[in-house]
Amino acid sequence: MSVIASQDVHVDTAKGRLYARRWDPAGAAGAPIVLFHDSLGCVALWRDFPEQLASETGRAVIAYDRLGFGLSDPNPATLVRGFIEEEADGDFARLRDALGIGPFVAFGHSVGGGMAVNVAARHASDCRALITESAQAFAEDRTVAGVADAKRGFAEPGQLDRLKKYHGEKAAWVLSAWVDNWLSPEFTEWTLDEALRQVRCPVLALHGEADEYGSPAHPERIAALTGGRHLLLENCGHVPHREQGRVVLDVVGQWLRARD
C-alpha cells in the first residue's frame, strides 16, 4: 500500500463552513478524485474507502461534508427539489475554488451520484471521468418505497441516535432533507436525463443488483444517455464500497488506469 498523507480542510462559504478531508498518496499523479456522499452520509461514513481508493489509484482523493452534514456547519435552508442540480455551482464550486482543484474525477454514491452527474455536466471541460455508485437516475417506485421504509424505521425510539453519531444536532435536519424530498409529490417527475445528456467524459455506473433503493434500470439509463459503461455487482445492496469494497477498488482502479 502507498504511503498516504491526510489532512483536514475547512472552507468558508457565505452560508457556513464546510469540512473536507483529503488523502494524498506519495507520488500522486492524475486528476484528483472528489467524493460526493449519499443522503445520510458524510466524510466519516466513507470510513477507510477514500484512503484505499487513493492507494489503489495513485490519485489524491477529496471528500467533503455538504452544508448541514457531518462536521460542516448547519444549513439554514430547507432542501427542496433542485438541490441535487444546485450542488454543481454550490458547495462543490466553493470547495473547488478553495482547494485550487483543476481537472478532477467525480465519484458519487446514491444521491451523491446524481450530484456527481450534474457536476460532470456543469464542469464538462475539467471533469476527466465520472463514476456513479448506486445512483438514482429517476424517482422509481422502489426508491420511494425504500425511503418510506427507512422513515418508519427512524421513527422508532433511539434510531435517530444513529445519525446523531455523525451529524450531531443536525441529524433531524439530515433525515428530513432525505425523506421529505423523495416522498414529496413534486419529486415524482424528477430525472437526471438532462444532465446526463450533457456529460462529455467517460462514465462508469456501478450498482448492486440487490440495491433496495433502485433497480438495474438506473445504471442502464446512466450508461445509455452518456455512452458509458455500467456494471451490476452480484449479491450486493446499496453500499458497494462497503459491501464489496475490494471489487469496487479493483474495478475503479483498472477502469481509471485504462484512461490515463
C-alpha atoms as a PDB file:
ATOM      1  CA  MET A   1       0.000   0.000   0.000  1.00  0.00           C
ATOM      2  CA  SER A   2       1.244   3.506  -0.825  1.00  0.00           C
ATOM      3  CA  VAL A   3       2.092   5.909   1.971  1.00  0.00           C
ATOM      4  CA  ILE A   4      -0.944   8.175   2.318  1.00  0.00           C
ATOM      5  CA  ALA A   5      -0.820  11.646   3.859  1.00  0.00           C
ATOM      6  CA  SER A   6      -4.176  13.010   5.013  1.00  0.00           C
ATOM      7  CA  GLN A   7      -5.286  16.430   6.101  1.00  0.00           C
ATOM      8  CA  ASP A   8      -8.440  18.183   7.280  1.00  0.00           C
ATOM      9  CA  VAL A   9      -9.607  21.226   5.360  1.00  0.00           C
ATOM     10  CA  HIS A  10     -12.171  23.897   6.245  1.00  0.00           C
ATOM     11  CA  VAL A  11     -13.819  26.040   3.586  1.00  0.00           C
ATOM     12  CA  ASP A  12     -15.714  29.218   4.409  1.00  0.00           C
ATOM     13  CA  THR A  13     -18.843  29.957   2.376  1.00  0.00           C
ATOM     14  CA  ALA A  14     -21.500  32.655   2.582  1.00  0.00           C
ATOM     15  CA  LYS A  15     -23.838  30.214   4.353  1.00  0.00           C
ATOM     16  CA  GLY A  16     -21.387  28.431   6.647  1.00  0.00           C
ATOM     17  CA  ARG A  17     -18.179  26.470   6.929  1.00  0.00           C
ATOM     18  CA  LEU A  18     -17.600  23.217   5.053  1.00  0.00           C
ATOM     19  CA  TYR A  19     -15.475  20.365   6.332  1.00  0.00           C
ATOM     20  CA  ALA A  20     -13.359  18.340   3.921  1.00  0.00           C
ATOM     21  CA  ARG A  21     -10.580  15.789   4.127  1.00  0.00           C
ATOM     22  CA  ARG A  22      -8.018  14.850   1.520  1.00  0.00           C
ATOM     23  CA  TRP A  23      -5.776  11.827   1.109  1.00  0.00           C
ATOM     24  CA  ASP A  24      -2.578  12.212  -0.914  1.00  0.00           C
ATOM     25  CA  PRO A  25      -0.547   9.136  -1.873  1.00  0.00           C
ATOM     26  CA  ALA A  26       3.190   9.522  -2.284  1.00  0.00           C
ATOM     27  CA  GLY A  27       3.919  10.486  -5.887  1.00  0.00           C
ATOM     28  CA  ALA A  28       0.248  11.187  -6.640  1.00  0.00           C
ATOM     29  CA  ALA A  29      -0.483  11.622 -10.332  1.00  0.00           C
ATOM     30  CA  GLY A  30      -3.565  12.273 -12.389  1.00  0.00           C
ATOM     31  CA  ALA A  31      -6.686  14.296 -11.671  1.00  0.00           C
ATOM     32  CA  PRO A  32      -7.830  14.013  -8.042  1.00  0.00           C
ATOM     33  CA  ILE A  33     -10.997  12.076  -7.229  1.00  0.00           C
ATOM     34  CA  VAL A  34     -13.744  14.076  -5.498  1.00  0.00           C
ATOM     35  CA  LEU A  35     -16.246  12.011  -3.492  1.00  0.00           C
ATOM     36  CA  PHE A  36     -19.908  13.022  -3.159  1.00  0.00           C
ATOM     37  CA  HIS A  37     -21.680  11.384  -0.219  1.00  0.00           C
ATOM     38  CA  ASP A  38     -25.214   9.981  -0.035  1.00  0.00           C
ATOM     39  CA  SER A  39     -28.351  11.464   1.571  1.00  0.00           C
ATOM     40  CA  LEU A  40     -27.448  10.470   5.131  1.00  0.00           C
ATOM     41  CA  GLY A  41     -23.705  10.408   4.604  1.00  0.00           C
ATOM     42  CA  CYS A  42     -20.623  12.422   5.445  1.00  0.00           C
ATOM     43  CA  VAL A  43     -16.855  12.102   5.256  1.00  0.00           C
ATOM     44  CA  ALA A  44     -16.701   9.831   8.304  1.00  0.00           C
ATOM     45  CA  LEU A  45     -19.180   7.373   6.795  1.00  0.00           C
ATOM     46  CA  TRP A  46     -16.884   6.712   3.842  1.00  0.00           C
ATOM     47  CA  ARG A  47     -14.736   5.039   6.544  1.00  0.00           C
ATOM     48  CA  ASP A  48     -11.444   3.769   5.112  1.00  0.00           C
ATOM     49  CA  PHE A  49     -12.590   3.723   1.485  1.00  0.00           C
ATOM     50  CA  PRO A  50     -11.045   7.102   0.493  1.00  0.00           C
ATOM     51  CA  GLU A  51      -7.604   6.079   1.746  1.00  0.00           C
ATOM     52  CA  GLN A  52      -7.885   2.726   0.000  1.00  0.00           C
ATOM     53  CA  LEU A  53      -9.020   4.448  -3.199  1.00  0.00           C
ATOM     54  CA  ALA A  54      -6.047   6.815  -3.068  1.00  0.00           C
ATOM     55  CA  SER A  55      -3.698   3.863  -2.610  1.00  0.00           C
ATOM     56  CA  GLU A  56      -5.330   1.846  -5.397  1.00  0.00           C
ATOM     57  CA  THR A  57      -5.380   4.642  -7.978  1.00  0.00           C
ATOM     58  CA  GLY A  58      -2.313   6.687  -7.015  1.00  0.00           C
ATOM     59  CA  ARG A  59      -4.510   9.779  -7.101  1.00  0.00           C
ATOM     60  CA  ALA A  60      -5.402  12.287  -4.427  1.00  0.00           C
ATOM     61  CA  VAL A  61      -8.897  11.722  -3.023  1.00  0.00           C
ATOM     62  CA  ILE A  62     -11.005  14.531  -1.572  1.00  0.00           C
ATOM     63  CA  ALA A  63     -14.240  14.044   0.366  1.00  0.00           C
ATOM     64  CA  TYR A  64     -16.380  16.781   1.883  1.00  0.00           C
ATOM     65  CA  ASP A  65     -19.453  17.197   4.047  1.00  0.00           C
ATOM     66  CA  ARG A  66     -22.144  19.208   2.312  1.00  0.00           C
ATOM     67  CA  LEU A  67     -23.502  22.087   4.359  1.00  0.00           C
ATOM     68  CA  GLY A  68     -25.751  20.631   7.073  1.00  0.00           C
ATOM     69  CA  PHE A  69     -23.977  17.272   7.159  1.00  0.00           C
ATOM     70  CA  GLY A  70     -21.233  15.733   9.281  1.00  0.00           C
ATOM     71  CA  LEU A  71     -18.707  18.260  10.542  1.00  0.00           C
ATOM     72  CA  SER A  72     -19.872  21.092   8.283  1.00  0.00           C
ATOM     73  CA  ASP A  73     -21.956  23.922   9.721  1.00  0.00           C
ATOM     74  CA  PRO A  74     -25.749  23.635   9.945  1.00  0.00           C
ATOM     75  CA  ASN A  75     -27.609  24.507   6.764  1.00  0.00           C
ATOM     76  CA  PRO A  76     -30.025  27.395   7.348  1.00  0.00           C
ATOM     77  CA  ALA A  77     -32.133  26.422   4.340  1.00  0.00           C
ATOM     78  CA  THR A  78     -34.719  23.710   3.771  1.00  0.00           C
ATOM     79  CA  LEU A  79     -33.697  21.488   0.883  1.00  0.00           C
ATOM     80  CA  VAL A  80     -36.281  21.371  -1.903  1.00  0.00           C
ATOM     81  CA  ARG A  81     -36.386  19.888  -5.383  1.00  0.00           C
ATOM     82  CA  GLY A  82     -33.394  21.184  -7.300  1.00  0.00           C
ATOM     83  CA  PHE A  83     -30.844  20.651  -4.531  1.00  0.00           C
ATOM     84  CA  ILE A  84     -29.176  17.843  -6.480  1.00  0.00           C
ATOM     85  CA  GLU A  85     -28.655  20.033  -9.536  1.00  0.00           C
ATOM     86  CA  GLU A  86     -27.559  23.041  -7.455  1.00  0.00           C
ATOM     87  CA  GLU A  87     -24.604  21.218  -5.888  1.00  0.00           C
ATOM     88  CA  ALA A  88     -22.514  21.754  -9.018  1.00  0.00           C
ATOM     89  CA  ASP A  89     -22.486  25.525  -8.505  1.00  0.00           C
ATOM     90  CA  GLY A  90     -22.911  25.373  -4.714  1.00  0.00           C
ATOM     91  CA  ASP A  91     -20.739  23.622  -2.142  1.00  0.00           C
ATOM     92  CA  PHE A  92     -18.683  21.829  -4.797  1.00  0.00           C
ATOM     93  CA  ALA A  93     -17.794  25.081  -6.557  1.00  0.00           C
ATOM     94  CA  ARG A  94     -16.752  26.675  -3.233  1.00  0.00           C
ATOM     95  CA  LEU A  95     -14.620  23.627  -2.389  1.00  0.00           C
ATOM     96  CA  ARG A  96     -13.026  23.608  -5.807  1.00  0.00           C
ATOM     97  CA  ASP A  97     -12.066  27.274  -5.583  1.00  0.00           C
ATOM     98  CA  ALA A  98     -10.679  26.953  -2.049  1.00  0.00           C
ATOM     99  CA  LEU A  99      -8.551  23.891  -2.820  1.00  0.00           C
ATOM    100  CA  GLY A 100      -7.473  25.025  -6.269  1.00  0.00           C
ATOM    101  CA  ILE A 101      -8.872  21.917  -7.943  1.00  0.00           C
ATOM    102  CA  GLY A 102      -8.405  21.955 -11.708  1.00  0.00           C
ATOM    103  CA  PRO A 103      -9.192  18.766 -13.655  1.00  0.00           C
ATOM    104  CA  PHE A 104     -10.908  16.164 -11.473  1.00  0.00           C
ATOM    105  CA  VAL A 105     -12.715  12.826 -11.389  1.00  0.00           C
ATOM    106  CA  ALA A 106     -16.225  12.856  -9.884  1.00  0.00           C
ATOM    107  CA  PHE A 107     -17.284   9.823  -7.807  1.00  0.00           C
ATOM    108  CA  GLY A 108     -20.731   9.896  -6.196  1.00  0.00           C
ATOM    109  CA  HIS A 109     -22.695   7.434  -4.079  1.00  0.00           C
ATOM    110  CA  SER A 110     -26.525   7.325  -4.173  1.00  0.00           C
ATOM    111  CA  VAL A 111     -27.862  10.912  -4.316  1.00  0.00           C
ATOM    112  CA  GLY A 112     -24.205  11.933  -4.412  1.00  0.00           C
ATOM    113  CA  GLY A 113     -24.096  10.091  -7.725  1.00  0.00           C
ATOM    114  CA  GLY A 114     -26.778  12.417  -9.047  1.00  0.00           C
ATOM    115  CA  MET A 115     -24.741  15.361  -7.815  1.00  0.00           C
ATOM    116  CA  ALA A 116     -21.619  13.960  -9.476  1.00  0.00           C
ATOM    117  CA  VAL A 117     -23.543  13.705 -12.754  1.00  0.00           C
ATOM    118  CA  ASN A 118     -24.556  17.365 -12.527  1.00  0.00           C
ATOM    119  CA  VAL A 119     -21.011  18.360 -11.610  1.00  0.00           C
ATOM    120  CA  ALA A 120     -19.683  16.477 -14.648  1.00  0.00           C
ATOM    121  CA  ALA A 121     -22.254  18.210 -16.848  1.00  0.00           C
ATOM    122  CA  ARG A 122     -21.695  21.734 -15.483  1.00  0.00           C
ATOM    123  CA  HIS A 123     -17.882  21.431 -15.334  1.00  0.00           C
ATOM    124  CA  ALA A 124     -17.527  19.374 -18.500  1.00  0.00           C
ATOM    125  CA  SER A 125     -14.229  20.932 -19.595  1.00  0.00           C
ATOM    126  CA  ASP A 126     -12.484  19.827 -16.379  1.00  0.00           C
ATOM    127  CA  CYS A 127     -14.244  16.581 -15.412  1.00  0.00           C
ATOM    128  CA  ARG A 128     -11.986  13.799 -16.684  1.00  0.00           C
ATOM    129  CA  ALA A 129     -14.186  10.877 -15.626  1.00  0.00           C
ATOM    130  CA  LEU A 130     -17.462  10.202 -13.816  1.00  0.00           C
ATOM    131  CA  ILE A 131     -18.136   7.232 -11.546  1.00  0.00           C
ATOM    132  CA  THR A 132     -21.568   6.685 -10.047  1.00  0.00           C
ATOM    133  CA  GLU A 133     -22.311   4.115  -7.378  1.00  0.00           C
ATOM    134  CA  SER A 134     -25.916   3.177  -6.554  1.00  0.00           C
ATOM    135  CA  ALA A 135     -27.071   6.447  -8.139  1.00  0.00           C
ATOM    136  CA  GLN A 136     -30.752   7.097  -8.744  1.00  0.00           C
ATOM    137  CA  ALA A 137     -31.417   8.397 -12.260  1.00  0.00           C
ATOM    138  CA  PHE A 138     -35.136   8.963 -11.707  1.00  0.00           C
ATOM    139  CA  ALA A 139     -37.780   8.658  -8.987  1.00  0.00           C
ATOM    140  CA  GLU A 140     -38.513   4.934  -9.182  1.00  0.00           C
ATOM    141  CA  ASP A 141     -41.217   3.224  -7.116  1.00  0.00           C
ATOM    142  CA  ARG A 142     -38.561   1.020  -5.480  1.00  0.00           C
ATOM    143  CA  THR A 143     -36.636   4.113  -4.393  1.00  0.00           C
ATOM    144  CA  VAL A 144     -39.702   5.777  -2.896  1.00  0.00           C
ATOM    145  CA  ALA A 145     -40.731   2.570  -1.113  1.00  0.00           C
ATOM    146  CA  GLY A 146     -37.229   2.151   0.317  1.00  0.00           C
ATOM    147  CA  VAL A 147     -37.209   5.719   1.628  1.00  0.00           C
ATOM    148  CA  ALA A 148     -40.677   5.252   3.154  1.00  0.00           C
ATOM    149  CA  ASP A 149     -39.490   2.089   4.928  1.00  0.00           C
ATOM    150  CA  ALA A 150     -36.431   3.910   6.238  1.00  0.00           C
ATOM    151  CA  LYS A 151     -38.595   6.779   7.506  1.00  0.00           C
ATOM    152  CA  ARG A 152     -40.688   4.335   9.527  1.00  0.00           C
ATOM    153  CA  GLY A 153     -37.528   2.725  10.874  1.00  0.00           C
ATOM    154  CA  PHE A 154     -36.047   6.021  12.028  1.00  0.00           C
ATOM    155  CA  ALA A 155     -39.297   6.825  13.836  1.00  0.00           C
ATOM    156  CA  GLU A 156     -38.569   4.004  16.278  1.00  0.00           C
ATOM    157  CA  PRO A 157     -37.183   5.073  19.688  1.00  0.00           C
ATOM    158  CA  GLY A 158     -33.442   5.658  19.660  1.00  0.00           C
ATOM    159  CA  GLN A 159     -32.964   5.247  15.907  1.00  0.00           C
ATOM    160  CA  LEU A 160     -32.207   8.908  15.280  1.00  0.00           C
ATOM    161  CA  ASP A 161     -29.226   8.493  17.604  1.00  0.00           C
ATOM    162  CA  ARG A 162     -27.556   6.507  14.827  1.00  0.00           C
ATOM    163  CA  LEU A 163     -27.451   9.701  12.776  1.00  0.00           C
ATOM    164  CA  LYS A 164     -26.504  11.916  15.702  1.00  0.00           C
ATOM    165  CA  LYS A 165     -23.256   9.976  15.995  1.00  0.00           C
ATOM    166  CA  TYR A 166     -22.180  11.515  12.678  1.00  0.00           C
ATOM    167  CA  HIS A 167     -24.303  14.664  12.316  1.00  0.00           C
ATOM    168  CA  GLY A 168     -24.827  15.768  15.910  1.00  0.00           C
ATOM    169  CA  GLU A 169     -27.836  18.019  16.448  1.00  0.00           C
ATOM    170  CA  LYS A 170     -28.200  18.342  12.672  1.00  0.00           C
ATOM    171  CA  ALA A 171     -29.431  14.734  12.469  1.00  0.00           C
ATOM    172  CA  ALA A 172     -33.158  15.536  12.293  1.00  0.00           C
ATOM    173  CA  TRP A 173     -32.499  18.059   9.502  1.00  0.00           C
ATOM    174  CA  VAL A 174     -30.431  15.477   7.599  1.00  0.00           C
ATOM    175  CA  LEU A 175     -33.182  12.870   7.823  1.00  0.00           C
ATOM    176  CA  SER A 176     -35.875  15.367   6.847  1.00  0.00           C
ATOM    177  CA  ALA A 177     -33.856  16.566   3.851  1.00  0.00           C
ATOM    178  CA  TRP A 178     -33.821  12.986   2.576  1.00  0.00           C
ATOM    179  CA  VAL A 179     -37.310  11.684   3.234  1.00  0.00           C
ATOM    180  CA  ASP A 180     -39.250  14.901   2.659  1.00  0.00           C
ATOM    181  CA  ASN A 181     -37.815  15.359  -0.817  1.00  0.00           C
ATOM    182  CA  TRP A 182     -38.066  11.800  -2.075  1.00  0.00           C
ATOM    183  CA  LEU A 183     -41.587  11.358  -0.691  1.00  0.00           C
ATOM    184  CA  SER A 184     -42.930  14.684  -1.961  1.00  0.00           C
ATOM    185  CA  PRO A 185     -45.329  14.714  -4.945  1.00  0.00           C
ATOM    186  CA  GLU A 186     -43.090  17.289  -6.643  1.00  0.00           C
ATOM    187  CA  PHE A 187     -40.271  14.749  -6.838  1.00  0.00           C
ATOM    188  CA  THR A 188     -42.162  12.079  -8.762  1.00  0.00           C
ATOM    189  CA  GLU A 189     -41.165  13.507 -12.155  1.00  0.00           C
ATOM    190  CA  TRP A 190     -37.521  14.137 -11.248  1.00  0.00           C
ATOM    191  CA  THR A 191     -34.825  12.628 -13.502  1.00  0.00           C
ATOM    192  CA  LEU A 192     -31.150  13.067 -14.318  1.00  0.00           C
ATOM    193  CA  ASP A 193     -31.835  12.868 -18.050  1.00  0.00           C
ATOM    194  CA  GLU A 194     -30.987  16.460 -18.977  1.00  0.00           C
ATOM    195  CA  ALA A 195     -27.719  16.459 -17.056  1.00  0.00           C
ATOM    196  CA  LEU A 196     -26.741  13.005 -18.340  1.00  0.00           C
ATOM    197  CA  ARG A 197     -27.053  14.198 -21.921  1.00  0.00           C
ATOM    198  CA  GLN A 198     -24.550  16.981 -21.175  1.00  0.00           C
ATOM    199  CA  VAL A 199     -21.821  14.708 -19.771  1.00  0.00           C
ATOM    200  CA  ARG A 200     -18.792  14.542 -22.070  1.00  0.00           C
ATOM    201  CA  CYS A 201     -16.311  12.424 -20.093  1.00  0.00           C
ATOM    202  CA  PRO A 202     -16.028   8.614 -19.754  1.00  0.00           C
ATOM    203  CA  VAL A 203     -18.659   7.183 -17.398  1.00  0.00           C
ATOM    204  CA  LEU A 204     -18.735   4.099 -15.175  1.00  0.00           C
ATOM    205  CA  ALA A 205     -22.009   3.303 -13.386  1.00  0.00           C
ATOM    206  CA  LEU A 206     -21.747   0.729 -10.578  1.00  0.00           C
ATOM    207  CA  HIS A 207     -24.843  -0.770  -8.976  1.00  0.00           C
ATOM    208  CA  GLY A 208     -25.673  -3.643  -6.648  1.00  0.00           C
ATOM    209  CA  GLU A 209     -28.201  -5.982  -8.207  1.00  0.00           C
ATOM    210  CA  ALA A 210     -29.954  -6.256  -4.817  1.00  0.00           C
ATOM    211  CA  ASP A 211     -29.987  -2.482  -4.188  1.00  0.00           C
ATOM    212  CA  GLU A 212     -33.043  -1.762  -2.045  1.00  0.00           C
ATOM    213  CA  TYR A 213     -33.215   1.840  -3.296  1.00  0.00           C
ATOM    214  CA  GLY A 214     -33.057   1.294  -7.036  1.00  0.00           C
ATOM    215  CA  SER A 215     -33.296  -1.336  -9.757  1.00  0.00           C
ATOM    216  CA  PRO A 216     -30.723  -2.007 -12.510  1.00  0.00           C
ATOM    217  CA  ALA A 217     -32.734   0.421 -14.657  1.00  0.00           C
ATOM    218  CA  HIS A 218     -30.724   3.247 -13.082  1.00  0.00           C
ATOM    219  CA  PRO A 219     -27.195   2.294 -14.190  1.00  0.00           C
ATOM    220  CA  GLU A 220     -28.607   1.189 -17.530  1.00  0.00           C
ATOM    221  CA  ARG A 221     -30.109   4.639 -18.054  1.00  0.00           C
ATOM    222  CA  ILE A 222     -26.938   6.407 -16.931  1.00  0.00           C
ATOM    223  CA  ALA A 223     -24.857   4.378 -19.380  1.00  0.00           C
ATOM    224  CA  ALA A 224     -27.349   4.706 -22.229  1.00  0.00           C
ATOM    225  CA  LEU A 225     -27.568   8.508 -22.035  1.00  0.00           C
ATOM    226  CA  THR A 226     -23.811   9.047 -21.658  1.00  0.00           C
ATOM    227  CA  GLY A 227     -22.403   6.300 -23.837  1.00  0.00           C
ATOM    228  CA  GLY A 228     -20.718   4.937 -20.745  1.00  0.00           C
ATOM    229  CA  ARG A 229     -20.335   1.535 -19.130  1.00  0.00           C
ATOM    230  CA  HIS A 230     -22.459   0.034 -16.384  1.00  0.00           C
ATOM    231  CA  LEU A 231     -21.660  -2.878 -14.105  1.00  0.00           C
ATOM    232  CA  LEU A 232     -24.023  -4.830 -11.857  1.00  0.00           C
ATOM    233  CA  LEU A 233     -22.454  -6.342  -8.745  1.00  0.00           C
ATOM    234  CA  GLU A 234     -23.911  -9.687  -7.703  1.00  0.00           C
ATOM    235  CA  ASN A 235     -25.163 -10.225  -4.155  1.00  0.00           C
ATOM    236  CA  CYS A 236     -24.687  -6.541  -3.396  1.00  0.00           C
ATOM    237  CA  GLY A 237     -27.029  -3.927  -1.958  1.00  0.00           C
ATOM    238  CA  HIS A 238     -26.975  -0.144  -1.812  1.00  0.00           C
ATOM    239  CA  VAL A 239     -23.420   0.422  -0.490  1.00  0.00           C
ATOM    240  CA  PRO A 240     -20.985  -1.436  -2.772  1.00  0.00           C
ATOM    241  CA  HIS A 241     -17.876   0.338  -1.436  1.00  0.00           C
ATOM    242  CA  ARG A 242     -18.663  -1.141   1.980  1.00  0.00           C
ATOM    243  CA  GLU A 243     -20.249  -4.463   0.992  1.00  0.00           C
ATOM    244  CA  GLN A 244     -17.791  -5.321  -1.791  1.00  0.00           C
ATOM    245  CA  GLY A 245     -15.022  -2.805  -1.293  1.00  0.00           C
ATOM    246  CA  ARG A 246     -12.252  -4.866  -2.859  1.00  0.00           C
ATOM    247  CA  VAL A 247     -14.303  -5.412  -6.002  1.00  0.00           C
ATOM    248  CA  VAL A 248     -15.121  -1.708  -6.291  1.00  0.00           C
ATOM    249  CA  LEU A 249     -11.481  -0.725  -5.804  1.00  0.00           C
ATOM    250  CA  ASP A 250     -10.287  -3.206  -8.424  1.00  0.00           C
ATOM    251  CA  VAL A 251     -12.887  -2.177 -10.991  1.00  0.00           C
ATOM    252  CA  VAL A 252     -12.423   1.565 -10.476  1.00  0.00           C
ATOM    253  CA  GLY A 253      -8.632   1.306 -10.412  1.00  0.00           C
ATOM    254  CA  GLN A 254      -8.468  -0.703 -13.640  1.00  0.00           C
ATOM    255  CA  TRP A 255     -11.020   1.499 -15.360  1.00  0.00           C
ATOM    256  CA  LEU A 256      -9.185   4.735 -14.495  1.00  0.00           C
ATOM    257  CA  ARG A 257      -5.781   3.325 -15.447  1.00  0.00           C
ATOM    258  CA  ALA A 258      -7.164   2.387 -18.863  1.00  0.00           C
ATOM    259  CA  ARG A 259      -7.956   6.074 -19.364  1.00  0.00           C
ATOM    260  CA  ASP A 260      -4.651   7.537 -18.230  1.00  0.00           C
END
